Amino acid sequence: MSTLNEYEEIYKILKIDTVHRLNKKVEQDKGKQTIMLAEALHEKKISDIADKIISNKSAKIVLIAGPSSSGKTTFANRLGIQLMLNGKRPVTISVDNYFVEREDNPKDEFGNYDFECLEALDVELLNDHIKRLLTGEEVEIPTFNFKYGHKEYNGTTLKLESDDILVMEGIHCLNDKLTMAIPREQKYKIYISDLTVLNLDYYNNISTTDTRLIRRIVRDNQFRGYSALQTIKIWYSVNRGETKYIFPYQEEADSMFNSSLIYELSVLKDYAIPLLKEIDNSNPECAEATRLCNLLKYFNSIPDEYIPKTSLIREFIGGSAFDV
């Protein structure tokens, strides 16, 4: 709440707190300036978090978690640049390589594999590897073969040097049970979410969940070949996993990063509306698609050529300078 309030105050001062005011900026040919202001705010906040990590001399591992479509990948890359400016080299370890063998993976109430629960991860092996890395040992890191459902060892090794810091991103990273063998003082936890501060007017706000869903619809189509219909169909189960495994631990974070960009729906609309219009009334998801279309129609479009290659929104529309 404090993070949300802080952003609301900033955009009130800049007089970009409602859709009407944002549209006025676009009409006055100040869309590019609005983008630069929003991007500068992100850079400042990321830099502040990096400074806090560096000042915490006992921090050995940075743990990042947040709900779907929060921009975790771009955030981690940009945080890494700021850490390097402070003399620390970030070394990434992927939680996705530490799933249990497929036959040991728990199932949900419908008999399907539950890949989101903590028990789906080989927590014991992950902790053993982290402990050894933090004491300077060289460790052979597994690669999880998702096709066949087992870990493979291909000679990939990892060793931390004195100026390295371990960075890990994943759904359970704020839950101490994931890294139970690592002392709390050695962890620096970051919660990231798209906390939308823009309001439709002075009485109606824009749902943070809606903004994330629109981001995901665009990203899934751009990079995964999914239709808007497919994304909307799985959105309920995505939200269920977040409610169960992420939100209860958000206050455990040492820092919070609001990944929202005040201009983003003005950019996303031209990508999202055509996808949403493909859903006809023969599908139950048509009502949701129509609702999102009606929301996006309130926004004047901002061309994407103004957006920097390092922007977090590039993770969803494409053209990122980072490998996302």
Protein backbone atom coordinates (compact mmCIF):
# COMPACT_ATOMS: atom_id res chain seq x y z
CA MET A 1 0.00 0.00 0.00
CA SER A 2 2.82 2.42 0.82
CA THR A 3 4.43 1.71 -2.59
CA LEU A 4 1.11 2.31 -4.35
CA ASN A 5 0.52 5.55 -2.44
CA GLU A 6 4.02 6.78 -3.24
CA TYR A 7 3.48 6.34 -7.00
CA GLU A 8 0.03 7.94 -6.80
CA GLU A 9 1.53 11.04 -5.18
CA ILE A 10 4.29 11.26 -7.79
CA TYR A 11 1.85 11.15 -10.70
CA LYS A 12 -0.50 13.62 -9.01
CA ILE A 13 2.38 16.08 -8.81
CA LEU A 14 3.12 15.43 -12.50
CA LYS A 15 -0.62 15.85 -13.22
CA ILE A 16 -0.96 12.47 -14.97
CA ASP A 17 -3.25 10.69 -12.51
CA THR A 18 -6.33 10.09 -14.72
CA VAL A 19 -6.94 8.77 -18.23
CA HIS A 20 -8.27 12.21 -19.24
CA ARG A 21 -5.02 13.90 -18.18
CA LEU A 22 -2.92 11.22 -19.87
CA ASN A 23 -4.92 11.64 -23.10
CA LYS A 24 -4.40 15.42 -22.89
CA LYS A 25 -0.64 14.84 -22.77
CA VAL A 26 -0.88 12.72 -25.92
CA GLU A 27 -3.07 15.32 -27.66
CA GLN A 28 -0.56 18.05 -26.76
CA ASP A 29 2.23 15.95 -28.31
CA LYS A 30 3.74 15.26 -24.87
CA GLY A 31 3.51 11.47 -25.10
CA LYS A 32 7.27 11.15 -25.52
CA GLN A 33 7.89 13.31 -22.44
CA THR A 34 5.44 11.18 -20.42
CA ILE A 35 7.33 8.04 -21.43
CA MET A 36 10.67 9.58 -20.41
CA LEU A 37 9.28 10.60 -17.00
CA ALA A 38 7.89 7.11 -16.33
CA GLU A 39 11.12 5.43 -17.44
CA ALA A 40 13.22 7.80 -15.31
CA LEU A 41 11.10 6.89 -12.28
CA HIS A 42 11.73 3.18 -12.91
CA GLU A 43 15.46 3.73 -13.29
CA LYS A 44 15.62 5.73 -10.08
CA LYS A 45 13.74 3.06 -8.11
CA ILE A 46 15.89 0.23 -9.49
CA SER A 47 19.02 2.20 -8.65
CA ASP A 48 17.74 2.79 -5.11
CA ILE A 49 17.14 -0.95 -4.61
CA ALA A 50 20.64 -1.78 -5.89
CA ASP A 51 22.12 0.73 -3.44
CA LYS A 52 20.20 -0.91 -0.57
CA ILE A 53 21.49 -4.36 -1.56
CA ILE A 54 25.08 -3.11 -1.68
CA SER A 55 24.75 -1.36 1.69
CA ASN A 56 23.56 -4.65 3.22
CA LYS A 57 26.98 -6.25 3.67
CA SER A 58 25.57 -9.61 4.78
CA ALA A 59 23.35 -10.05 1.66
CA LYS A 60 24.65 -12.91 -0.49
CA ILE A 61 21.57 -13.82 -2.52
CA VAL A 62 18.87 -11.64 -4.10
CA LEU A 63 15.45 -13.30 -4.31
CA ILE A 64 12.81 -11.85 -6.67
CA ALA A 65 9.13 -12.82 -6.79
CA GLY A 66 5.92 -11.34 -8.12
CA PRO A 67 2.71 -12.27 -9.94
CA SER A 68 2.46 -13.07 -13.63
CA SER A 69 3.33 -10.30 -16.12
CA SER A 70 5.00 -8.09 -13.55
CA GLY A 71 8.12 -7.76 -15.71
CA LYS A 72 10.43 -9.80 -13.48
CA THR A 73 12.87 -10.70 -16.27
CA THR A 74 13.54 -7.13 -17.42
CA PHE A 75 13.64 -5.92 -13.81
CA ALA A 76 16.27 -8.55 -12.94
CA ASN A 77 18.38 -7.52 -15.95
CA ARG A 78 18.18 -3.84 -15.12
CA LEU A 79 18.91 -4.49 -11.46
CA GLY A 80 21.93 -6.50 -12.56
CA ILE A 81 23.30 -3.49 -14.47
CA GLN A 82 22.90 -1.28 -11.40
CA LEU A 83 24.63 -3.90 -9.22
CA MET A 84 27.55 -4.03 -11.67
CA LEU A 85 27.87 -0.25 -11.44
CA ASN A 86 28.29 -0.82 -7.71
CA GLY A 87 31.04 -3.40 -8.24
CA LYS A 88 28.92 -6.56 -7.87
CA ARG A 89 28.56 -9.12 -10.66
CA PRO A 90 25.12 -10.77 -10.59
CA VAL A 91 25.10 -14.53 -11.18
CA THR A 92 21.71 -16.06 -11.95
CA ILE A 93 20.50 -19.47 -10.86
CA SER A 94 17.21 -20.69 -12.37
CA VAL A 95 14.67 -22.30 -10.04
CA ASP A 96 13.13 -23.96 -13.12
CA ASN A 97 16.07 -26.37 -13.26
CA TYR A 98 15.24 -27.74 -9.81
CA PHE A 99 11.90 -29.43 -10.36
CA VAL A 100 11.51 -32.87 -8.84
CA GLU A 101 11.42 -35.84 -11.19
CA ARG A 102 8.08 -35.95 -13.00
CA GLU A 103 6.91 -39.13 -11.26
CA ASP A 104 7.46 -37.42 -7.87
CA ASN A 105 5.58 -34.23 -8.81
CA PRO A 106 2.41 -33.72 -6.72
CA LYS A 107 -0.97 -33.58 -8.44
CA ASP A 108 -3.85 -31.18 -7.85
CA GLU A 109 -7.45 -32.03 -7.00
CA PHE A 110 -8.17 -32.67 -10.68
CA GLY A 111 -5.39 -35.23 -11.07
CA ASN A 112 -3.13 -32.88 -13.04
CA TYR A 113 0.50 -32.23 -12.16
CA ASP A 114 0.75 -29.19 -9.89
CA PHE A 115 3.90 -27.45 -11.10
CA GLU A 116 3.30 -24.35 -8.96
CA CYS A 117 3.34 -25.87 -5.46
CA LEU A 118 6.57 -25.75 -3.43
CA GLU A 119 6.68 -29.57 -3.34
CA ALA A 120 7.17 -29.57 -7.11
CA LEU A 121 10.71 -28.30 -6.48
CA ASP A 122 13.71 -30.28 -5.25
CA VAL A 123 14.21 -27.91 -2.32
CA GLU A 124 16.87 -30.07 -0.66
CA LEU A 125 19.10 -30.13 -3.76
CA LEU A 126 18.59 -26.41 -4.40
CA ASN A 127 19.60 -25.52 -0.85
CA ASP A 128 22.64 -27.80 -1.00
CA HIS A 129 23.81 -26.08 -4.20
CA ILE A 130 23.19 -22.56 -2.87
CA LYS A 131 25.06 -23.30 0.36
CA ARG A 132 28.04 -24.69 -1.53
CA LEU A 133 28.06 -21.75 -3.95
CA LEU A 134 28.00 -19.23 -1.11
CA THR A 135 31.03 -20.92 0.48
CA GLY A 136 32.99 -20.67 -2.79
CA GLU A 137 32.59 -24.21 -4.09
CA GLU A 138 32.11 -25.07 -7.74
CA VAL A 139 28.76 -26.78 -8.36
CA GLU A 140 27.44 -28.72 -11.35
CA ILE A 141 24.04 -27.19 -12.11
CA PRO A 142 21.27 -29.40 -13.54
CA THR A 143 19.16 -28.58 -16.57
CA PHE A 144 15.57 -29.73 -16.28
CA ASN A 145 14.26 -31.52 -19.36
CA PHE A 146 10.60 -30.51 -19.43
CA LYS A 147 9.82 -32.87 -22.30
CA TYR A 148 10.88 -35.98 -20.41
CA GLY A 149 10.41 -34.65 -16.87
CA HIS A 150 13.81 -35.15 -15.29
CA LYS A 151 17.03 -33.32 -14.43
CA GLU A 152 20.04 -33.69 -16.70
CA TYR A 153 23.67 -32.94 -15.92
CA ASN A 154 25.52 -31.65 -18.98
CA GLY A 155 28.73 -30.41 -17.35
CA THR A 156 27.39 -26.91 -16.64
CA THR A 157 29.19 -25.63 -13.56
CA LEU A 158 28.91 -22.49 -11.47
CA LYS A 159 31.30 -20.87 -9.02
CA LEU A 160 30.95 -17.52 -7.26
CA GLU A 161 33.89 -15.14 -7.08
CA SER A 162 34.36 -12.69 -4.22
CA ASP A 163 32.56 -9.84 -6.00
CA ASP A 164 29.66 -12.00 -7.26
CA ILE A 165 26.12 -11.98 -5.87
CA LEU A 166 23.60 -14.74 -6.52
CA VAL A 167 20.27 -13.68 -8.07
CA MET A 168 17.26 -16.00 -8.16
CA GLU A 169 13.73 -15.34 -9.46
CA GLY A 170 10.70 -17.54 -8.97
CA ILE A 171 7.18 -17.92 -7.63
CA HIS A 172 8.32 -19.11 -4.17
CA CYS A 173 11.34 -16.84 -3.69
CA LEU A 174 9.77 -14.82 -0.85
CA ASN A 175 8.89 -18.01 1.04
CA ASP A 176 11.72 -18.90 3.41
CA LYS A 177 10.92 -22.59 2.98
CA LEU A 178 12.41 -22.44 -0.53
CA THR A 179 15.81 -21.39 0.86
CA MET A 180 15.43 -22.89 4.35
CA ALA A 181 19.15 -23.68 4.74
CA ILE A 182 20.24 -20.09 4.08
CA PRO A 183 20.26 -17.65 7.04
CA ARG A 184 17.72 -14.82 6.67
CA GLU A 185 20.40 -12.14 6.97
CA GLN A 186 22.09 -13.46 3.81
CA LYS A 187 18.92 -12.99 1.74
CA TYR A 188 17.64 -9.80 0.15
CA LYS A 189 14.04 -10.23 -0.98
CA ILE A 190 12.30 -8.13 -3.63
CA TYR A 191 8.59 -8.15 -4.43
CA ILE A 192 7.63 -6.81 -7.87
CA SER A 193 4.13 -6.14 -9.16
CA ASP A 194 2.31 -3.93 -11.63
CA LEU A 195 0.47 -1.72 -9.12
CA THR A 196 -1.60 0.44 -11.46
CA VAL A 197 -1.95 4.01 -10.19
CA LEU A 198 -3.80 5.49 -13.16
CA ASN A 199 -7.51 6.14 -12.60
CA LEU A 200 -10.34 6.30 -15.11
CA ASP A 201 -11.54 9.39 -13.25
CA TYR A 202 -11.53 10.68 -9.67
CA TYR A 203 -13.91 7.94 -8.52
CA ASN A 204 -12.95 4.83 -10.51
CA ASN A 205 -9.53 3.21 -10.55
CA ILE A 206 -8.10 0.75 -13.07
CA SER A 207 -7.62 -2.79 -11.82
CA THR A 208 -4.03 -3.92 -11.38
CA THR A 209 -5.14 -7.43 -12.39
CA ASP A 210 -6.66 -6.10 -15.64
CA THR A 211 -3.39 -4.38 -16.56
CA ARG A 212 -1.41 -7.57 -15.94
CA LEU A 213 -3.90 -9.60 -18.00
CA ILE A 214 -3.60 -7.18 -20.93
CA ARG A 215 0.20 -7.37 -20.67
CA ARG A 216 0.03 -11.18 -20.71
CA ILE A 217 -2.40 -11.34 -23.66
CA VAL A 218 0.03 -9.25 -25.72
CA ARG A 219 3.14 -11.14 -24.58
CA ASP A 220 1.59 -14.60 -25.05
CA ASN A 221 0.65 -13.69 -28.61
CA GLN A 222 3.98 -12.04 -29.45
CA PHE A 223 6.29 -14.74 -28.08
CA ARG A 224 4.29 -17.92 -27.45
CA GLY A 225 1.79 -17.94 -30.31
CA TYR A 226 -1.19 -18.05 -27.93
CA SER A 227 -4.49 -16.41 -28.76
CA ALA A 228 -6.22 -14.01 -26.36
CA LEU A 229 -8.84 -16.72 -25.84
CA GLN A 230 -6.21 -19.20 -24.62
CA THR A 231 -4.70 -16.65 -22.24
CA ILE A 232 -8.05 -15.63 -20.74
CA LYS A 233 -9.00 -19.30 -20.27
CA ILE A 234 -5.98 -20.02 -18.05
CA TRP A 235 -6.01 -16.68 -16.21
CA TYR A 236 -8.13 -18.03 -13.35
CA SER A 237 -5.65 -20.79 -12.55
CA VAL A 238 -2.75 -18.31 -12.79
CA ASN A 239 -4.49 -16.03 -10.27
CA ARG A 240 -5.22 -18.98 -8.01
CA GLY A 241 -1.53 -19.89 -7.86
CA GLU A 242 -0.56 -16.28 -7.11
CA THR A 243 -3.11 -16.01 -4.30
CA LYS A 244 -1.80 -19.21 -2.76
CA TYR A 245 1.96 -18.93 -3.27
CA ILE A 246 2.93 -15.25 -3.78
CA PHE A 247 0.57 -12.76 -2.14
CA PRO A 248 0.79 -14.26 1.40
CA TYR A 249 4.55 -13.57 1.40
CA GLN A 250 4.71 -10.11 -0.23
CA GLU A 251 5.23 -8.30 3.07
CA GLU A 252 8.35 -10.46 3.65
CA ALA A 253 10.15 -8.39 1.03
CA ASP A 254 13.00 -6.03 1.90
CA SER A 255 12.13 -3.87 -1.12
CA MET A 256 9.07 -3.52 -3.33
CA PHE A 257 9.18 -2.43 -6.96
CA ASN A 258 6.13 -1.11 -8.76
CA SER A 259 6.57 -2.13 -12.40
CA SER A 260 3.59 -0.13 -13.67
CA LEU A 261 4.17 2.52 -16.34
CA ILE A 262 1.64 5.33 -16.46
CA TYR A 263 1.53 5.25 -20.27
CA GLU A 264 1.46 1.48 -20.85
CA LEU A 265 -2.21 0.96 -21.71
CA SER A 266 -1.92 3.70 -24.36
CA VAL A 267 0.75 1.53 -26.01
CA LEU A 268 -0.75 -1.91 -25.33
CA LYS A 269 -4.20 -1.01 -26.73
CA ASP A 270 -3.14 -1.24 -30.39
CA TYR A 271 -1.68 -4.70 -29.76
CA ALA A 272 -4.48 -6.01 -27.52
CA ILE A 273 -7.72 -4.81 -29.12
CA PRO A 274 -7.33 -6.77 -32.41
CA LEU A 275 -6.55 -9.93 -30.38
CA LEU A 276 -9.54 -9.44 -28.09
CA LYS A 277 -11.87 -8.84 -31.05
CA GLU A 278 -11.03 -12.32 -32.35
CA ILE A 279 -13.09 -13.77 -29.47
CA ASP A 280 -16.68 -14.02 -30.65
CA ASN A 281 -19.85 -14.55 -28.65
CA SER A 282 -19.75 -18.31 -29.16
CA ASN A 283 -17.14 -18.34 -26.34
CA PRO A 284 -17.98 -17.63 -22.69
CA GLU A 285 -14.81 -15.51 -22.56
CA CYS A 286 -16.37 -13.00 -24.98
CA ALA A 287 -17.81 -10.93 -22.12
CA GLU A 288 -14.36 -10.53 -20.55
CA ALA A 289 -12.80 -9.68 -23.92
CA THR A 290 -15.50 -7.04 -24.58
CA ARG A 291 -14.98 -5.52 -21.13
CA LEU A 292 -11.22 -5.21 -21.71
CA CYS A 293 -11.78 -3.72 -25.18
CA ASN A 294 -14.13 -1.12 -23.73
CA LEU A 295 -11.50 -0.20 -21.13
CA LEU A 296 -8.74 0.21 -23.72
CA LYS A 297 -10.91 2.37 -25.98
CA TYR A 298 -10.71 5.17 -23.39
CA PHE A 299 -7.00 5.62 -24.17
CA ASN A 300 -5.40 7.66 -26.93
CA SER A 301 -2.68 5.61 -28.64
CA ILE A 302 0.99 6.29 -28.06
CA PRO A 303 3.34 4.97 -30.79
CA ASP A 304 5.81 2.38 -29.56
CA GLU A 305 8.80 3.89 -31.38
CA TYR A 306 9.19 6.33 -28.47
CA ILE A 307 9.79 3.50 -25.99
CA PRO A 308 13.43 2.77 -25.03
CA LYS A 309 14.81 -0.71 -25.80
CA THR A 310 15.51 -1.17 -22.09
CA SER A 311 11.93 -0.40 -21.05
CA LEU A 312 10.10 -3.00 -19.02
CA ILE A 313 7.13 -2.79 -21.42
CA ARG A 314 9.39 -4.16 -24.17
CA GLU A 315 9.18 -7.51 -22.40
CA PHE A 316 5.57 -7.66 -23.62
CA ILE A 317 5.52 -5.90 -26.99
CA GLY A 318 8.96 -6.97 -28.24
CA GLY A 319 12.12 -5.13 -29.24
CA SER A 320 13.83 -5.45 -25.86
CA ALA A 321 17.57 -4.94 -25.56
CA PHE A 322 17.55 -7.83 -23.08
CA ASP A 323 17.10 -11.51 -23.86
CA VAL A 324 13.58 -11.89 -22.42
